[in-house]
Amino acid sequence: MKRLSSRWLAWWYFTIALGFALLAVNRAIIGEKFWLIALRVILALGFGTLSLMEFRAKDGRR
């Protein structure tokens, strides 16, 4: 089975991070509880970090 390239994984993680960030903004505007918004921001930062790490990784080497 062929492995996915680092670029594809990086973009995948980036889109997940963007989704969580937009969801946090949306819910902040609506007025949801602060801890739920903070949780989404933390998740967005985590996936953003994974994305950055994958963008910097060379294919096949982690």
PDB file of N, CA and C in Angstrom:
ATOM      1  N   MET A   1       0.837  -1.179   0.000  1.00  0.00           N
ATOM      2  CA  MET A   1       0.000   0.000   0.000  1.00  0.00           C
ATOM      3  C   MET A   1       0.886   1.249   0.000  1.00  0.00           C
ATOM      4  N   LYS A   2       0.558   2.166  -0.847  1.00  0.00           N
ATOM      5  CA  LYS A   2       1.357   3.388  -0.966  1.00  0.00           C
ATOM      6  C   LYS A   2       0.996   4.387   0.134  1.00  0.00           C
ATOM      7  N   ARG A   3       2.023   5.005   0.706  1.00  0.00           N
ATOM      8  CA  ARG A   3       1.801   6.026   1.743  1.00  0.00           C
ATOM      9  C   ARG A   3       1.417   7.346   1.106  1.00  0.00           C
ATOM     10  N   LEU A   4       0.626   8.100   1.827  1.00  0.00           N
ATOM     11  CA  LEU A   4       0.287   9.446   1.367  1.00  0.00           C
ATOM     12  C   LEU A   4       1.503  10.349   1.512  1.00  0.00           C
ATOM     13  N   SER A   5       1.641  11.290   0.622  1.00  0.00           N
ATOM     14  CA  SER A   5       2.781  12.204   0.713  1.00  0.00           C
ATOM     15  C   SER A   5       2.564  13.214   1.844  1.00  0.00           C
ATOM     16  N   SER A   6       3.657  13.778   2.298  1.00  0.00           N
ATOM     17  CA  SER A   6       3.589  14.754   3.384  1.00  0.00           C
ATOM     18  C   SER A   6       2.770  15.976   2.996  1.00  0.00           C
ATOM     19  N   ARG A   7       2.847  16.364   1.728  1.00  0.00           N
ATOM     20  CA  ARG A   7       2.087  17.539   1.278  1.00  0.00           C
ATOM     21  C   ARG A   7       0.577  17.331   1.430  1.00  0.00           C
ATOM     22  N   TRP A   8       0.110  16.145   1.035  1.00  0.00           N
ATOM     23  CA  TRP A   8      -1.322  15.877   1.158  1.00  0.00           C
ATOM     24  C   TRP A   8      -1.758  15.888   2.613  1.00  0.00           C
ATOM     25  N   LEU A   9      -0.975  15.263   3.468  1.00  0.00           N
ATOM     26  CA  LEU A   9      -1.308  15.259   4.895  1.00  0.00           C
ATOM     27  C   LEU A   9      -1.263  16.669   5.476  1.00  0.00           C
ATOM     28  N   ALA A  10      -0.304  17.451   5.032  1.00  0.00           N
ATOM     29  CA  ALA A  10      -0.188  18.825   5.523  1.00  0.00           C
ATOM     30  C   ALA A  10      -1.435  19.625   5.163  1.00  0.00           C
ATOM     31  N   TRP A  11      -1.873  19.513   3.916  1.00  0.00           N
ATOM     32  CA  TRP A  11      -3.084  20.237   3.512  1.00  0.00           C
ATOM     33  C   TRP A  11      -4.311  19.698   4.223  1.00  0.00           C
ATOM     34  N   TRP A  12      -4.357  18.397   4.476  1.00  0.00           N
ATOM     35  CA  TRP A  12      -5.470  17.783   5.212  1.00  0.00           C
ATOM     36  C   TRP A  12      -5.542  18.370   6.624  1.00  0.00           C
ATOM     37  N   TYR A  13      -4.420  18.387   7.326  1.00  0.00           N
ATOM     38  CA  TYR A  13      -4.385  18.945   8.676  1.00  0.00           C
ATOM     39  C   TYR A  13      -4.714  20.438   8.657  1.00  0.00           C
ATOM     40  N   PHE A  14      -4.240  21.146   7.639  1.00  0.00           N
ATOM     41  CA  PHE A  14      -4.515  22.577   7.539  1.00  0.00           C
ATOM     42  C   PHE A  14      -6.015  22.844   7.399  1.00  0.00           C
ATOM     43  N   THR A  15      -6.698  22.057   6.566  1.00  0.00           N
ATOM     44  CA  THR A  15      -8.137  22.276   6.392  1.00  0.00           C
ATOM     45  C   THR A  15      -8.916  21.945   7.659  1.00  0.00           C
ATOM     46  N   ILE A  16      -8.470  20.932   8.397  1.00  0.00           N
ATOM     47  CA  ILE A  16      -9.124  20.620   9.674  1.00  0.00           C
ATOM     48  C   ILE A  16      -8.918  21.776  10.654  1.00  0.00           C
ATOM     49  N   ALA A  17      -7.699  22.303  10.714  1.00  0.00           N
ATOM     50  CA  ALA A  17      -7.404  23.433  11.605  1.00  0.00           C
ATOM     51  C   ALA A  17      -8.248  24.647  11.225  1.00  0.00           C
ATOM     52  N   LEU A  18      -8.346  24.922   9.934  1.00  0.00           N
ATOM     53  CA  LEU A  18      -9.148  26.049   9.466  1.00  0.00           C
ATOM     54  C   LEU A  18     -10.615  25.863   9.841  1.00  0.00           C
ATOM     55  N   GLY A  19     -11.108  24.641   9.710  1.00  0.00           N
ATOM     56  CA  GLY A  19     -12.498  24.351  10.081  1.00  0.00           C
ATOM     57  C   GLY A  19     -12.763  24.603  11.554  1.00  0.00           C
ATOM     58  N   PHE A  20     -11.867  24.132  12.418  1.00  0.00           N
ATOM     59  CA  PHE A  20     -12.035  24.363  13.856  1.00  0.00           C
ATOM     60  C   PHE A  20     -11.928  25.857  14.189  1.00  0.00           C
ATOM     61  N   ALA A  21     -11.037  26.565  13.517  1.00  0.00           N
ATOM     62  CA  ALA A  21     -10.898  28.002  13.777  1.00  0.00           C
ATOM     63  C   ALA A  21     -12.168  28.755  13.358  1.00  0.00           C
ATOM     64  N   LEU A  22     -12.684  28.434  12.187  1.00  0.00           N
ATOM     65  CA  LEU A  22     -13.921  29.090  11.732  1.00  0.00           C
ATOM     66  C   LEU A  22     -15.103  28.738  12.627  1.00  0.00           C
ATOM     67  N   LEU A  23     -15.148  27.496  13.088  1.00  0.00           N
ATOM     68  CA  LEU A  23     -16.212  27.093  14.000  1.00  0.00           C
ATOM     69  C   LEU A  23     -16.115  27.856  15.321  1.00  0.00           C
ATOM     70  N   ALA A  24     -14.891  28.054  15.806  1.00  0.00           N
ATOM     71  CA  ALA A  24     -14.709  28.809  17.048  1.00  0.00           C
ATOM     72  C   ALA A  24     -15.169  30.257  16.876  1.00  0.00           C
ATOM     73  N   VAL A  25     -14.841  30.865  15.744  1.00  0.00           N
ATOM     74  CA  VAL A  25     -15.270  32.241  15.484  1.00  0.00           C
ATOM     75  C   VAL A  25     -16.789  32.313  15.392  1.00  0.00           C
ATOM     76  N   ASN A  26     -17.364  31.374  14.668  1.00  0.00           N
ATOM     77  CA  ASN A  26     -18.822  31.336  14.516  1.00  0.00           C
ATOM     78  C   ASN A  26     -19.502  31.222  15.874  1.00  0.00           C
ATOM     79  N   ARG A  27     -19.039  30.299  16.691  1.00  0.00           N
ATOM     80  CA  ARG A  27     -19.651  30.090  18.008  1.00  0.00           C
ATOM     81  C   ARG A  27     -19.389  31.247  18.963  1.00  0.00           C
ATOM     82  N   ALA A  28     -18.264  31.937  18.790  1.00  0.00           N
ATOM     83  CA  ALA A  28     -17.990  33.110  19.626  1.00  0.00           C
ATOM     84  C   ALA A  28     -18.985  34.213  19.294  1.00  0.00           C
ATOM     85  N   ILE A  29     -19.298  34.362  18.020  1.00  0.00           N
ATOM     86  CA  ILE A  29     -20.277  35.374  17.605  1.00  0.00           C
ATOM     87  C   ILE A  29     -21.661  35.037  18.153  1.00  0.00           C
ATOM     88  N   ILE A  30     -21.997  33.750  18.130  1.00  0.00           N
ATOM     89  CA  ILE A  30     -23.304  33.316  18.631  1.00  0.00           C
ATOM     90  C   ILE A  30     -23.396  33.478  20.140  1.00  0.00           C
ATOM     91  N   GLY A  31     -22.261  33.344  20.836  1.00  0.00           N
ATOM     92  CA  GLY A  31     -22.247  33.538  22.281  1.00  0.00           C
ATOM     93  C   GLY A  31     -22.218  32.241  23.069  1.00  0.00           C
ATOM     94  N   GLU A  32     -21.555  31.241  22.526  1.00  0.00           N
ATOM     95  CA  GLU A  32     -21.441  29.967  23.226  1.00  0.00           C
ATOM     96  C   GLU A  32     -20.503  30.107  24.425  1.00  0.00           C
ATOM     97  N   LYS A  33     -20.490  29.113  25.292  1.00  0.00           N
ATOM     98  CA  LYS A  33     -19.642  29.138  26.483  1.00  0.00           C
ATOM     99  C   LYS A  33     -18.169  29.264  26.100  1.00  0.00           C
ATOM    100  N   PHE A  34     -17.436  30.005  26.920  1.00  0.00           N
ATOM    101  CA  PHE A  34     -16.033  30.292  26.632  1.00  0.00           C
ATOM    102  C   PHE A  34     -15.176  29.038  26.553  1.00  0.00           C
ATOM    103  N   TRP A  35     -15.385  28.084  27.438  1.00  0.00           N
ATOM    104  CA  TRP A  35     -14.528  26.903  27.457  1.00  0.00           C
ATOM    105  C   TRP A  35     -14.688  26.068  26.194  1.00  0.00           C
ATOM    106  N   LEU A  36     -15.883  26.074  25.589  1.00  0.00           N
ATOM    107  CA  LEU A  36     -16.082  25.348  24.333  1.00  0.00           C
ATOM    108  C   LEU A  36     -15.362  26.037  23.182  1.00  0.00           C
ATOM    109  N   ILE A  37     -15.378  27.353  23.198  1.00  0.00           N
ATOM    110  CA  ILE A  37     -14.657  28.111  22.167  1.00  0.00           C
ATOM    111  C   ILE A  37     -13.154  27.900  22.336  1.00  0.00           C
ATOM    112  N   ALA A  38     -12.678  27.938  23.585  1.00  0.00           N
ATOM    113  CA  ALA A  38     -11.254  27.723  23.858  1.00  0.00           C
ATOM    114  C   ALA A  38     -10.824  26.322  23.425  1.00  0.00           C
ATOM    115  N   LEU A  39     -11.664  25.325  23.638  1.00  0.00           N
ATOM    116  CA  LEU A  39     -11.358  23.966  23.216  1.00  0.00           C
ATOM    117  C   LEU A  39     -11.190  23.884  21.699  1.00  0.00           C
ATOM    118  N   ARG A  40     -12.064  24.555  20.969  1.00  0.00           N
ATOM    119  CA  ARG A  40     -11.949  24.564  19.502  1.00  0.00           C
ATOM    120  C   ARG A  40     -10.697  25.298  19.032  1.00  0.00           C
ATOM    121  N   VAL A  41     -10.345  26.362  19.725  1.00  0.00           N
ATOM    122  CA  VAL A  41      -9.117  27.082  19.373  1.00  0.00           C
ATOM    123  C   VAL A  41      -7.893  26.204  19.633  1.00  0.00           C
ATOM    124  N   ILE A  42      -7.890  25.488  20.747  1.00  0.00           N
ATOM    125  CA  ILE A  42      -6.776  24.590  21.058  1.00  0.00           C
ATOM    126  C   ILE A  42      -6.670  23.486  20.015  1.00  0.00           C
ATOM    127  N   LEU A  43      -7.805  22.929  19.607  1.00  0.00           N
ATOM    128  CA  LEU A  43      -7.791  21.911  18.551  1.00  0.00           C
ATOM    129  C   LEU A  43      -7.272  22.483  17.237  1.00  0.00           C
ATOM    130  N   ALA A  44      -7.688  23.692  16.905  1.00  0.00           N
ATOM    131  CA  ALA A  44      -7.216  24.336  15.675  1.00  0.00           C
ATOM    132  C   ALA A  44      -5.708  24.549  15.731  1.00  0.00           C
ATOM    133  N   LEU A  45      -5.195  24.983  16.876  1.00  0.00           N
ATOM    134  CA  LEU A  45      -3.753  25.175  17.022  1.00  0.00           C
ATOM    135  C   LEU A  45      -2.989  23.848  16.919  1.00  0.00           C
ATOM    136  N   GLY A  46      -3.560  22.800  17.481  1.00  0.00           N
ATOM    137  CA  GLY A  46      -2.926  21.489  17.399  1.00  0.00           C
ATOM    138  C   GLY A  46      -2.838  20.983  15.968  1.00  0.00           C
ATOM    139  N   PHE A  47      -3.943  21.072  15.241  1.00  0.00           N
ATOM    140  CA  PHE A  47      -3.926  20.636  13.847  1.00  0.00           C
ATOM    141  C   PHE A  47      -3.070  21.561  12.989  1.00  0.00           C
ATOM    142  N   GLY A  48      -3.023  22.832  13.329  1.00  0.00           N
ATOM    143  CA  GLY A  48      -2.149  23.754  12.624  1.00  0.00           C
ATOM    144  C   GLY A  48      -0.682  23.393  12.819  1.00  0.00           C
ATOM    145  N   THR A  49      -0.346  22.986  14.033  1.00  0.00           N
ATOM    146  CA  THR A  49       1.022  22.554  14.319  1.00  0.00           C
ATOM    147  C   THR A  49       1.365  21.285  13.541  1.00  0.00           C
ATOM    148  N   LEU A  50       0.433  20.336  13.509  1.00  0.00           N
ATOM    149  CA  LEU A  50       0.652  19.126  12.721  1.00  0.00           C
ATOM    150  C   LEU A  50       0.858  19.470  11.248  1.00  0.00           C
ATOM    151  N   SER A  51       0.072  20.405  10.757  1.00  0.00           N
ATOM    152  CA  SER A  51       0.205  20.836   9.367  1.00  0.00           C
ATOM    153  C   SER A  51       1.583  21.424   9.104  1.00  0.00           C
ATOM    154  N   LEU A  52       2.033  22.283   9.989  1.00  0.00           N
ATOM    155  CA  LEU A  52       3.362  22.878   9.840  1.00  0.00           C
ATOM    156  C   LEU A  52       4.457  21.821   9.847  1.00  0.00           C
ATOM    157  N   MET A  53       4.332  20.860  10.737  1.00  0.00           N
ATOM    158  CA  MET A  53       5.325  19.796  10.820  1.00  0.00           C
ATOM    159  C   MET A  53       5.346  18.970   9.532  1.00  0.00           C
ATOM    160  N   GLU A  54       4.189  18.703   8.961  1.00  0.00           N
ATOM    161  CA  GLU A  54       4.127  17.934   7.718  1.00  0.00           C
ATOM    162  C   GLU A  54       4.663  18.736   6.534  1.00  0.00           C
ATOM    163  N   PHE A  55       4.385  20.034   6.518  1.00  0.00           N
ATOM    164  CA  PHE A  55       4.920  20.854   5.430  1.00  0.00           C
ATOM    165  C   PHE A  55       6.451  20.864   5.457  1.00  0.00           C
ATOM    166  N   ARG A  56       7.028  20.821   6.650  1.00  0.00           N
ATOM    167  CA  ARG A  56       8.481  20.856   6.775  1.00  0.00           C
ATOM    168  C   ARG A  56       9.132  19.492   6.585  1.00  0.00           C
ATOM    169  N   ALA A  57       8.336  18.419   6.722  1.00  0.00           N
ATOM    170  CA  ALA A  57       8.881  17.066   6.595  1.00  0.00           C
ATOM    171  C   ALA A  57       9.166  16.748   5.124  1.00  0.00           C
ATOM    172  N   LYS A  58      10.172  15.955   4.916  1.00  0.00           N
ATOM    173  CA  LYS A  58      10.466  15.470   3.578  1.00  0.00           C
ATOM    174  C   LYS A  58       9.672  14.185   3.365  1.00  0.00           C
ATOM    175  N   ASP A  59       9.202  13.954   2.164  1.00  0.00           N
ATOM    176  CA  ASP A  59       8.434  12.738   1.885  1.00  0.00           C
ATOM    177  C   ASP A  59       9.229  11.498   2.252  1.00  0.00           C
ATOM    178  N   GLY A  60       8.577  10.625   3.005  1.00  0.00           N
ATOM    179  CA  GLY A  60       9.227   9.377   3.400  1.00  0.00           C
ATOM    180  C   GLY A  60      10.066   9.482   4.657  1.00  0.00           C
ATOM    181  N   ARG A  61      10.391  10.670   5.102  1.00  0.00           N
ATOM    182  CA  ARG A  61      11.194  10.855   6.314  1.00  0.00           C
ATOM    183  C   ARG A  61      10.390  11.699   7.294  1.00  0.00           C
ATOM    184  N   ARG A  62      10.229  11.234   8.475  1.00  0.00           N
ATOM    185  CA  ARG A  62       9.438  11.944   9.481  1.00  0.00           C
ATOM    186  C   ARG A  62      10.322  12.519  10.546  1.00  0.00           C
TER     187      ARG A  62
END
